[in-house]
C-alpha atoms as a PDB file:
ATOM      1  CA  MET A   1      -0.080   0.436   0.252  1.00  0.00           C
ATOM      2  CA  GLN A   2       1.143   3.249  -0.955  1.00  0.00           C
ATOM      3  CA  PHE A   3       0.537   6.575   0.691  1.00  0.00           C
ATOM      4  CA  SER A   4      -0.189  10.290  -0.866  1.00  0.00           C
ATOM      5  CA  ILE A   5       3.571  11.550  -0.190  1.00  0.00           C
ATOM      6  CA  PRO A   6       1.709  15.091   1.992  1.00  0.00           C
ATOM      7  CA  ILE A   7      -0.373  12.029   3.746  1.00  0.00           C
ATOM      8  CA  ALA A   8       3.213   9.677   4.885  1.00  0.00           C
ATOM      9  CA  VAL A   9       5.092  13.231   5.961  1.00  0.00           C
ATOM     10  CA  GLY A  10       2.339  13.908   8.112  1.00  0.00           C
ATOM     11  CA  ILE A  11       2.481  10.131   9.642  1.00  0.00           C
ATOM     12  CA  GLY A  12       6.181  10.871  10.033  1.00  0.00           C
ATOM     13  CA  GLY A  13       5.045  14.644  11.734  1.00  0.00           C
ATOM     14  CA  CYS A  14       3.190  12.495  13.581  1.00  0.00           C
ATOM     15  CA  ALA A  15       6.043  10.053  14.880  1.00  0.00           C
ATOM     16  CA  GLY A  16       8.267  12.865  14.800  1.00  0.00           C
ATOM     17  CA  ALA A  17       5.784  14.794  17.247  1.00  0.00           C
ATOM     18  CA  LEU A  18       6.339  12.333  19.686  1.00  0.00           C
ATOM     19  CA  LEU A  19       9.350  11.306  19.588  1.00  0.00           C
ATOM     20  CA  ARG A  20      10.130  15.209  21.187  1.00  0.00           C
ATOM     21  CA  PHE A  21       7.220  14.669  23.331  1.00  0.00           C
ATOM     22  CA  TYR A  22       8.722  11.599  25.099  1.00  0.00           C
ATOM     23  CA  ILE A  23      12.124  12.233  24.380  1.00  0.00           C
ATOM     24  CA  SER A  24      12.072  16.103  25.844  1.00  0.00           C
ATOM     25  CA  SER A  25      10.253  14.969  28.860  1.00  0.00           C
ATOM     26  CA  ALA A  26      12.228  11.903  30.109  1.00  0.00           C
ATOM     27  CA  VAL A  27      15.289  14.181  30.141  1.00  0.00           C
ATOM     28  CA  THR A  28      13.951  16.620  31.646  1.00  0.00           C
ATOM     29  CA  ARG A  29      12.741  14.470  34.252  1.00  0.00           C
ATOM     30  CA  ALA A  30      16.692  13.369  34.436  1.00  0.00           C
ATOM     31  CA  ALA A  31      17.885  16.741  35.083  1.00  0.00           C
ATOM     32  CA  GLY A  32      15.059  17.853  36.506  1.00  0.00           C
ATOM     33  CA  GLU A  33      12.758  20.961  35.901  1.00  0.00           C
ATOM     34  CA  ASP A  34      15.785  24.141  36.485  1.00  0.00           C
ATOM     35  CA  LEU A  35      17.149  22.770  34.023  1.00  0.00           C
ATOM     36  CA  ALA A  36      13.940  21.656  31.028  1.00  0.00           C
ATOM     37  CA  PHE A  37      16.098  23.443  28.233  1.00  0.00           C
ATOM     38  CA  VAL A  38      18.085  20.298  28.605  1.00  0.00           C
ATOM     39  CA  GLY A  39      15.788  18.029  27.205  1.00  0.00           C
ATOM     40  CA  THR A  40      14.653  20.314  23.974  1.00  0.00           C
ATOM     41  CA  LEU A  41      18.579  20.575  23.627  1.00  0.00           C
ATOM     42  CA  ALA A  42      18.762  16.500  23.727  1.00  0.00           C
ATOM     43  CA  VAL A  43      16.290  16.619  21.064  1.00  0.00           C
ATOM     44  CA  ASN A  44      18.111  19.307  18.737  1.00  0.00           C
ATOM     45  CA  LEU A  45      21.000  17.261  18.707  1.00  0.00           C
ATOM     46  CA  ILE A  46      19.822  14.522  18.611  1.00  0.00           C
ATOM     47  CA  GLY A  47      18.052  15.225  15.188  1.00  0.00           C
ATOM     48  CA  CYS A  48      21.555  17.458  14.257  1.00  0.00           C
ATOM     49  CA  PHE A  49      22.674  13.885  14.093  1.00  0.00           C
ATOM     50  CA  LEU A  50      19.879  11.466  12.417  1.00  0.00           C
ATOM     51  CA  ILE A  51      19.893  14.475   9.491  1.00  0.00           C
ATOM     52  CA  GLY A  52      23.622  14.074   9.430  1.00  0.00           C
ATOM     53  CA  MET A  53      23.441  10.369   8.906  1.00  0.00           C
ATOM     54  CA  LEU A  54      19.998  10.836   6.786  1.00  0.00           C
ATOM     55  CA  ALA A  55      22.054  12.743   4.864  1.00  0.00           C
ATOM     56  CA  ILE A  56      25.269  10.353   3.898  1.00  0.00           C
ATOM     57  CA  ILE A  57      22.593   7.579   2.921  1.00  0.00           C
ATOM     58  CA  VAL A  58      20.939   9.669   0.548  1.00  0.00           C
ATOM     59  CA  ALA A  59      23.964  10.904  -1.345  1.00  0.00           C
ATOM     60  CA  ARG A  60      25.883   7.671  -0.868  1.00  0.00           C
ATOM     61  CA  THR A  61      23.612   5.085  -1.348  1.00  0.00           C
ATOM     62  CA  THR A  62      19.528   3.900  -3.323  1.00  0.00           C
ATOM     63  CA  HIS A  63      18.347   2.493   0.543  1.00  0.00           C
ATOM     64  CA  LEU A  64      16.386   5.211   0.574  1.00  0.00           C
ATOM     65  CA  SER A  65      13.948   6.328  -2.146  1.00  0.00           C
ATOM     66  CA  PRO A  66      12.810   9.707  -2.660  1.00  0.00           C
ATOM     67  CA  HIS A  67       9.262   8.917  -0.654  1.00  0.00           C
ATOM     68  CA  SER A  68      11.530   7.284   2.708  1.00  0.00           C
ATOM     69  CA  GLN A  69      13.813  10.192   2.263  1.00  0.00           C
ATOM     70  CA  ARG A  70      10.063  12.673   2.376  1.00  0.00           C
ATOM     71  CA  VAL A  71       9.214  11.236   5.017  1.00  0.00           C
ATOM     72  CA  LEU A  72      12.084  11.281   7.492  1.00  0.00           C
ATOM     73  CA  ILE A  73      13.575  14.324   6.715  1.00  0.00           C
ATOM     74  CA  THR A  74      10.664  16.205   6.314  1.00  0.00           C
ATOM     75  CA  GLY A  75       8.110  14.239   8.448  1.00  0.00           C
ATOM     76  CA  LEU A  76       9.173  12.735  11.797  1.00  0.00           C
ATOM     77  CA  LEU A  77      12.671  15.431  11.688  1.00  0.00           C
ATOM     78  CA  GLY A  78      11.063  17.845  10.640  1.00  0.00           C
ATOM     79  CA  SER A  79       8.760  17.250  13.015  1.00  0.00           C
ATOM     80  CA  LEU A  80      11.782  16.271  16.228  1.00  0.00           C
ATOM     81  CA  THR A  81      13.480  19.451  15.209  1.00  0.00           C
ATOM     82  CA  THR A  82      13.625  22.248  12.958  1.00  0.00           C
ATOM     83  CA  PHE A  83      16.729  22.752  13.763  1.00  0.00           C
ATOM     84  CA  SER A  84      18.120  20.019  12.276  1.00  0.00           C
ATOM     85  CA  THR A  85      17.794  20.903   8.583  1.00  0.00           C
ATOM     86  CA  PHE A  86      18.509  24.512   9.870  1.00  0.00           C
ATOM     87  CA  SER A  87      21.982  23.163  10.487  1.00  0.00           C
ATOM     88  CA  LEU A  88      21.788  20.746   7.460  1.00  0.00           C
ATOM     89  CA  ASP A  89      21.670  23.889   5.057  1.00  0.00           C
ATOM     90  CA  SER A  90      24.277  25.515   7.022  1.00  0.00           C
ATOM     91  CA  VAL A  91      26.816  23.177   6.723  1.00  0.00           C
ATOM     92  CA  ASN A  92      25.510  22.014   3.000  1.00  0.00           C
ATOM     93  CA  LEU A  93      26.833  25.510   2.507  1.00  0.00           C
ATOM     94  CA  LEU A  94      30.106  26.116   4.075  1.00  0.00           C
ATOM     95  CA  GLN A  95      30.707  22.919   2.664  1.00  0.00           C
ATOM     96  CA  GLN A  96      30.034  24.604  -0.919  1.00  0.00           C
ATOM     97  CA  GLY A  97      32.575  27.030  -0.210  1.00  0.00           C
ATOM     98  CA  ARG A  98      29.891  30.116   0.585  1.00  0.00           C
ATOM     99  CA  PHE A  99      30.363  31.066   4.157  1.00  0.00           C
ATOM    100  CA  GLY A 100      29.110  34.016   3.194  1.00  0.00           C
ATOM    101  CA  ALA A 101      25.718  32.515   2.891  1.00  0.00           C
ATOM    102  CA  ALA A 102      26.035  30.173   5.805  1.00  0.00           C
ATOM    103  CA  ILE A 103      27.235  33.379   8.561  1.00  0.00           C
ATOM    104  CA  GLY A 104      24.632  34.747   6.548  1.00  0.00           C
ATOM    105  CA  ASN A 105      21.756  31.929   7.150  1.00  0.00           C
ATOM    106  CA  ILE A 106      23.278  31.105  11.403  1.00  0.00           C
ATOM    107  CA  LEU A 107      23.258  34.489  12.041  1.00  0.00           C
ATOM    108  CA  THR A 108      19.333  35.227  10.551  1.00  0.00           C
ATOM    109  CA  ASN A 109      17.988  32.550  12.367  1.00  0.00           C
ATOM    110  CA  VAL A 110      19.298  33.615  15.493  1.00  0.00           C
ATOM    111  CA  VAL A 111      19.557  36.733  15.969  1.00  0.00           C
ATOM    112  CA  LEU A 112      16.083  37.257  13.921  1.00  0.00           C
ATOM    113  CA  GLY A 113      14.678  33.961  15.481  1.00  0.00           C
ATOM    114  CA  LEU A 114      15.249  35.588  18.635  1.00  0.00           C
ATOM    115  CA  LEU A 115      13.879  38.498  17.752  1.00  0.00           C
ATOM    116  CA  LEU A 116      10.692  37.794  16.282  1.00  0.00           C
ATOM    117  CA  VAL A 117      10.148  35.080  19.652  1.00  0.00           C
ATOM    118  CA  TRP A 118      11.068  38.708  21.393  1.00  0.00           C
ATOM    119  CA  LEU A 119       8.584  40.488  18.990  1.00  0.00           C
ATOM    120  CA  GLY A 120       5.672  38.220  19.550  1.00  0.00           C
ATOM    121  CA  MET A 121       5.875  38.244  23.777  1.00  0.00           C
ATOM    122  CA  GLN A 122       5.419  41.459  23.010  1.00  0.00           C
ATOM    123  CA  VAL A 123       2.321  41.507  20.682  1.00  0.00           C
ATOM    124  CA  ALA A 124       0.735  38.672  22.317  1.00  0.00           C
ATOM    125  CA  GLY A 125       2.002  40.553  26.176  1.00  0.00           C
ATOM    126  CA  ALA A 126      -0.508  43.724  24.910  1.00  0.00           C
ATOM    127  CA  VAL A 127      -3.540  42.014  24.035  1.00  0.00           C
ATOM    128  CA  PHE A 128      -3.433  39.434  26.285  1.00  0.00           C
ATOM    129  CA  THR A 129      -2.991  40.958  29.669  1.00  0.00           C
ATOM    130  CA  ASP A 130      -1.605  39.346  33.166  1.00  0.00           C
ATOM    131  CA  PRO A 131      -4.540  38.511  34.983  1.00  0.00           C
ATOM    132  CA  SER A 132      -1.247  38.795  38.044  1.00  0.00           C
ATOM    133  CA  GLU A 133      -0.443  42.368  36.875  1.00  0.00           C
ATOM    134  CA  GLN A 134      -4.357  43.389  36.247  1.00  0.00           C
ATOM    135  CA  ASN A 135      -4.668  42.581  40.334  1.00  0.00           C
ATOM    136  CA  THR A 136      -2.177  44.207  41.452  1.00  0.00           C
ATOM    137  CA  GLU A 137      -3.107  47.555  39.360  1.00  0.00           C
ATOM    138  CA  ASP A 138      -6.882  47.105  40.871  1.00  0.00           C
ATOM    139  CA  ARG A 139      -5.009  46.607  44.386  1.00  0.00           C
ATOM    140  CA  LEU A 140      -2.531  49.652  43.444  1.00  0.00           C
ATOM    141  CA  SER A 141      -5.779  51.436  42.577  1.00  0.00           C
ATOM    142  CA  THR A 142      -7.926  50.930  45.099  1.00  0.00           C
ATOM    143  CA  SER A 143      -4.519  51.436  48.149  1.00  0.00           C
ATOM    144  CA  ASP A 144      -4.370  54.961  45.817  1.00  0.00           C
ATOM    145  CA  SER A 145      -8.201  55.547  47.133  1.00  0.00           C
ATOM    146  CA  LYS A 146      -8.257  54.823  50.164  1.00  0.00           C
ATOM    147  CA  ALA A 147      -5.092  57.026  51.358  1.00  0.00           C
END
């Protein structure tokens, strides 16, 4: 039975999301909640290792069909971690001697990624107020009126 590529990628993506959840949860439990970021780090590093292996397998063998490549790389690893794809793209640029493009890719992903996370937090923070801050403001205005 041959699935269509989008359905196969979706199945791979589901498996990758579950792997991400279980690996990250296990590492976080082992490391402790104060080191919860280590779960994400572990997932990203595992994904980088696996995408490196798959890149060589795809380049040097015929063991993986284009269909299987999409399921494993786009679906499974894409859902497990997009950091692995970013890393592979950067290494490929370096190997091609495109150092400016590689550095630009790395800096753009990291710097703009951080900036956009911050910006997204600012936009959402402006739209969705923190109930604890609202209560604090209410208490401040109430205590001001009592004085």
